[in-house]
Protein backbone atom coordinates (compact mmCIF):
# COMPACT_ATOMS: atom_id res chain seq x y z
CA GLN A 1 -0.22 0.06 -0.03
CA GLN A 2 1.16 3.35 -0.58
CA GLY A 3 1.50 5.81 2.25
CA GLN A 4 3.00 3.50 4.61
CA MET A 5 6.28 3.89 6.24
CA VAL A 6 8.49 0.74 7.40
CA ALA A 7 11.45 1.43 9.72
CA PRO A 8 13.65 -1.66 9.90
CA VAL A 9 15.69 -1.91 13.24
CA VAL A 10 19.07 -3.92 13.51
CA ALA A 11 19.84 -4.85 17.10
CA ASN A 12 21.99 -7.35 19.04
CA LEU A 13 19.70 -8.58 21.49
CA GLY A 14 21.75 -11.29 23.02
CA ALA A 15 21.29 -14.98 23.04
CA LEU A 16 17.98 -15.96 21.34
CA GLU A 17 17.16 -18.49 23.72
CA ASP A 18 16.97 -15.72 26.37
CA LEU A 19 14.23 -13.72 24.62
CA THR A 20 10.53 -13.72 25.20
CA LEU A 21 8.86 -12.11 22.04
CA THR A 22 5.28 -11.02 22.20
CA PRO A 23 4.22 -10.15 18.87
CA ASN A 24 0.82 -8.61 17.99
CA PRO A 25 -1.10 -11.72 16.56
CA ASP A 26 -2.98 -9.21 14.51
CA GLU A 27 0.32 -8.58 12.21
CA VAL A 28 2.53 -11.50 13.10
CA GLU A 29 1.73 -15.05 12.60
CA GLU A 30 5.10 -16.87 13.39
CA ILE A 31 8.53 -15.71 14.43
CA PHE A 32 11.45 -17.56 12.97
CA THR A 33 15.31 -16.86 12.74
CA LEU A 34 18.03 -17.81 10.27
CA PRO A 35 21.81 -17.40 10.79
CA LEU A 36 23.94 -14.99 8.94
CA ALA A 37 25.65 -17.80 7.46
CA HIS A 38 22.51 -19.34 5.83
CA LEU A 39 21.67 -16.15 4.62
CA LEU A 40 25.16 -15.37 3.02
CA ARG A 41 25.38 -18.70 1.11
CA GLU A 42 24.77 -18.44 -2.54
CA GLU A 43 22.64 -21.67 -2.46
CA ASN A 44 20.03 -19.80 -0.36
CA GLN A 45 19.81 -16.57 -2.35
CA GLY A 46 17.67 -16.18 -5.33
CA TYR A 47 15.62 -13.56 -7.16
CA THR A 48 12.11 -13.52 -8.46
CA HIS A 49 11.14 -11.77 -11.80
CA PHE A 50 7.82 -10.04 -11.98
CA ARG A 51 5.89 -9.41 -15.05
CA THR A 52 3.06 -6.82 -15.71
CA ALA A 53 0.83 -6.96 -18.53
CA GLY A 54 2.93 -9.80 -19.83
CA ARG A 55 6.07 -8.28 -19.98
CA TYR A 56 9.29 -7.86 -17.45
CA ALA A 57 8.48 -5.20 -14.77
CA TYR A 58 10.92 -5.71 -11.96
CA THR A 59 13.18 -8.24 -9.78
CA LEU A 60 13.06 -8.69 -6.17
CA PRO A 61 15.48 -10.94 -3.98
CA VAL A 62 14.37 -14.17 -2.36
CA PHE A 63 15.98 -16.36 0.38
CA LEU A 64 15.33 -19.97 0.38
CA ASN A 65 15.86 -23.16 2.14
CA GLY A 66 15.20 -22.15 5.49
CA PRO A 67 11.58 -22.89 7.49
CA HIS A 68 9.91 -20.29 5.16
CA LYS A 69 10.89 -18.60 1.96
CA VAL A 70 11.76 -14.90 2.72
CA TRP A 71 10.34 -12.57 -0.35
CA GLY A 72 8.78 -9.22 -0.48
CA LEU A 73 9.72 -6.18 1.64
CA THR A 74 11.38 -8.74 4.24
CA ALA A 75 13.60 -10.02 1.59
CA ILE A 76 14.41 -6.36 0.57
CA ILE A 77 15.08 -5.32 3.87
CA THR A 78 17.39 -8.54 4.31
CA GLU A 79 19.33 -7.66 1.42
CA LEU A 80 19.98 -4.35 2.22
CA THR A 81 20.97 -5.14 5.70
CA LEU A 82 23.42 -7.99 4.36
CA GLU A 83 24.93 -5.41 2.10
CA LEU A 84 25.76 -3.22 4.92
CA LEU A 85 26.86 -6.17 7.50
CA ALA A 86 28.79 -8.24 5.25
CA PRO A 87 29.73 -5.89 2.19
CA ASP A 88 32.61 -8.29 1.30
CA ARG A 89 30.73 -11.58 1.22
CA TYR A 90 27.22 -10.34 -0.24
């Protein structure tokens, strides 16, 4: 939707096992994690090509082989974060 703003936050929260997260059930169905090493493996990275009116329109990143496919805005934010955190590896 147009007119909405998303503000990604990157933080070190310590050991994941020690966290108690309480997401809004109206917005979040499930929380899962992927190790940075998983995201940086080429076999887990891909791109989805979209068409509009039968013609190529745009390409977006996708991250595969985890508990869920990471796509859409989440994949875009993940890709930008990897470019910042590991520019020599991504």
